[in-house]
Amino acid sequence: MKIEISSFTDSRGSGDYNLELSQKRAQSVVSYLINRGIDRGRMIAKGYGESKPVVDCVECTEAQHQQNRRTEFKLISQ
């Protein structure tokens, strides 16, 4: 089984900063799971920055920003 660990940011900050931040968050999750015995070869870390918001808003509330800051696990092969 192989999973993609995808991290996302809210729309605050520059696009480049958010992309880098989301990649670091995804990698942190991978590191956490490796430290708990999950094989590194079973995981791919991907940062998407602010490119795929759950809530697409212009003047977002703090709650809306929080919804967009997330990490998702996606099964990519079995």
C-alpha atoms as a PDB file:
ATOM      1  CA  MET A   1       0.000   0.000   0.000  1.00  0.00           C
ATOM      2  CA  LYS A   2       1.277   3.460  -0.874  1.00  0.00           C
ATOM      3  CA  ILE A   3      -0.215   6.737   0.314  1.00  0.00           C
ATOM      4  CA  GLU A   4       0.200  10.363  -0.641  1.00  0.00           C
ATOM      5  CA  ILE A   5       0.338  12.753   2.278  1.00  0.00           C
ATOM      6  CA  SER A   6      -0.945  16.061   0.928  1.00  0.00           C
ATOM      7  CA  SER A   7      -0.695  19.308   2.878  1.00  0.00           C
ATOM      8  CA  PHE A   8      -2.394  22.603   2.130  1.00  0.00           C
ATOM      9  CA  THR A   9      -2.247  26.163   3.461  1.00  0.00           C
ATOM     10  CA  ASP A  10      -4.676  29.034   3.700  1.00  0.00           C
ATOM     11  CA  SER A  11      -4.405  31.994   1.333  1.00  0.00           C
ATOM     12  CA  ARG A  12      -2.373  34.221   3.641  1.00  0.00           C
ATOM     13  CA  GLY A  13       1.266  34.639   2.648  1.00  0.00           C
ATOM     14  CA  SER A  14       2.872  34.528  -0.775  1.00  0.00           C
ATOM     15  CA  GLY A  15       2.316  31.626  -3.138  1.00  0.00           C
ATOM     16  CA  ASP A  16       5.960  30.540  -2.950  1.00  0.00           C
ATOM     17  CA  TYR A  17       5.992  30.700   0.852  1.00  0.00           C
ATOM     18  CA  ASN A  18       2.765  28.690   1.103  1.00  0.00           C
ATOM     19  CA  LEU A  19       4.027  26.041  -1.300  1.00  0.00           C
ATOM     20  CA  GLU A  20       7.212  25.597   0.726  1.00  0.00           C
ATOM     21  CA  LEU A  21       5.284  25.601   4.020  1.00  0.00           C
ATOM     22  CA  SER A  22       2.851  22.951   2.820  1.00  0.00           C
ATOM     23  CA  GLN A  23       5.721  20.743   1.611  1.00  0.00           C
ATOM     24  CA  LYS A  24       7.403  21.041   5.019  1.00  0.00           C
ATOM     25  CA  ARG A  25       4.139  20.121   6.758  1.00  0.00           C
ATOM     26  CA  ALA A  26       3.685  17.048   4.576  1.00  0.00           C
ATOM     27  CA  GLN A  27       7.283  16.007   5.209  1.00  0.00           C
ATOM     28  CA  SER A  28       6.784  16.460   8.969  1.00  0.00           C
ATOM     29  CA  VAL A  29       3.875  14.014   8.851  1.00  0.00           C
ATOM     30  CA  VAL A  30       6.013  11.507   6.930  1.00  0.00           C
ATOM     31  CA  SER A  31       8.810  11.877   9.511  1.00  0.00           C
ATOM     32  CA  TYR A  32       6.327  11.369  12.347  1.00  0.00           C
ATOM     33  CA  LEU A  33       5.016   8.163  10.772  1.00  0.00           C
ATOM     34  CA  ILE A  34       8.536   6.872  10.038  1.00  0.00           C
ATOM     35  CA  ASN A  35       9.395   7.361  13.719  1.00  0.00           C
ATOM     36  CA  ARG A  36       6.395   5.163  14.530  1.00  0.00           C
ATOM     37  CA  GLY A  37       7.525   2.325  12.298  1.00  0.00           C
ATOM     38  CA  ILE A  38       5.885   3.044   8.933  1.00  0.00           C
ATOM     39  CA  ASP A  39       8.174   2.303   5.981  1.00  0.00           C
ATOM     40  CA  ARG A  40       9.287   5.463   4.143  1.00  0.00           C
ATOM     41  CA  GLY A  41       8.793   3.751   0.799  1.00  0.00           C
ATOM     42  CA  ARG A  42       5.055   3.562   1.433  1.00  0.00           C
ATOM     43  CA  MET A  43       4.594   7.341   1.628  1.00  0.00           C
ATOM     44  CA  ILE A  44       4.908  10.336  -0.682  1.00  0.00           C
ATOM     45  CA  ALA A  45       4.858  13.869   0.770  1.00  0.00           C
ATOM     46  CA  LYS A  46       3.319  16.565  -1.422  1.00  0.00           C
ATOM     47  CA  GLY A  47       2.712  20.211  -0.647  1.00  0.00           C
ATOM     48  CA  TYR A  48       0.016  22.008  -2.600  1.00  0.00           C
ATOM     49  CA  GLY A  49       0.175  25.422  -0.943  1.00  0.00           C
ATOM     50  CA  GLU A  50      -3.043  27.370  -1.295  1.00  0.00           C
ATOM     51  CA  SER A  51      -3.970  25.823  -4.657  1.00  0.00           C
ATOM     52  CA  LYS A  52      -6.882  23.609  -3.546  1.00  0.00           C
ATOM     53  CA  PRO A  53      -8.939  25.419  -0.908  1.00  0.00           C
ATOM     54  CA  VAL A  54     -11.862  23.678   0.784  1.00  0.00           C
ATOM     55  CA  VAL A  55     -13.446  27.090   1.288  1.00  0.00           C
ATOM     56  CA  ASP A  56     -12.833  29.481  -1.607  1.00  0.00           C
ATOM     57  CA  CYS A  57     -13.268  32.971  -0.175  1.00  0.00           C
ATOM     58  CA  VAL A  58     -11.818  36.458  -0.612  1.00  0.00           C
ATOM     59  CA  GLU A  59     -12.225  37.902   2.873  1.00  0.00           C
ATOM     60  CA  CYS A  60     -12.035  34.665   4.818  1.00  0.00           C
ATOM     61  CA  THR A  61     -12.904  34.357   8.479  1.00  0.00           C
ATOM     62  CA  GLU A  62     -10.396  32.660  10.780  1.00  0.00           C
ATOM     63  CA  ALA A  63     -12.600  29.544  10.773  1.00  0.00           C
ATOM     64  CA  GLN A  64     -12.478  29.447   6.967  1.00  0.00           C
ATOM     65  CA  HIS A  65      -8.688  29.837   6.974  1.00  0.00           C
ATOM     66  CA  GLN A  66      -8.479  26.934   9.443  1.00  0.00           C
ATOM     67  CA  GLN A  67     -10.476  24.687   7.110  1.00  0.00           C
ATOM     68  CA  ASN A  68      -8.026  25.372   4.296  1.00  0.00           C
ATOM     69  CA  ARG A  69      -4.993  24.496   6.465  1.00  0.00           C
ATOM     70  CA  ARG A  70      -5.085  20.732   6.379  1.00  0.00           C
ATOM     71  CA  THR A  71      -3.289  17.473   5.646  1.00  0.00           C
ATOM     72  CA  GLU A  72      -4.985  14.666   3.741  1.00  0.00           C
ATOM     73  CA  PHE A  73      -4.075  11.015   3.224  1.00  0.00           C
ATOM     74  CA  LYS A  74      -4.813   9.506  -0.197  1.00  0.00           C
ATOM     75  CA  LEU A  75      -4.381   5.866  -1.152  1.00  0.00           C
ATOM     76  CA  ILE A  76      -2.489   5.778  -4.459  1.00  0.00           C
ATOM     77  CA  SER A  77      -1.783   2.024  -4.775  1.00  0.00           C
ATOM     78  CA  GLN A  78      -2.422  -1.188  -2.902  1.00  0.00           C
END
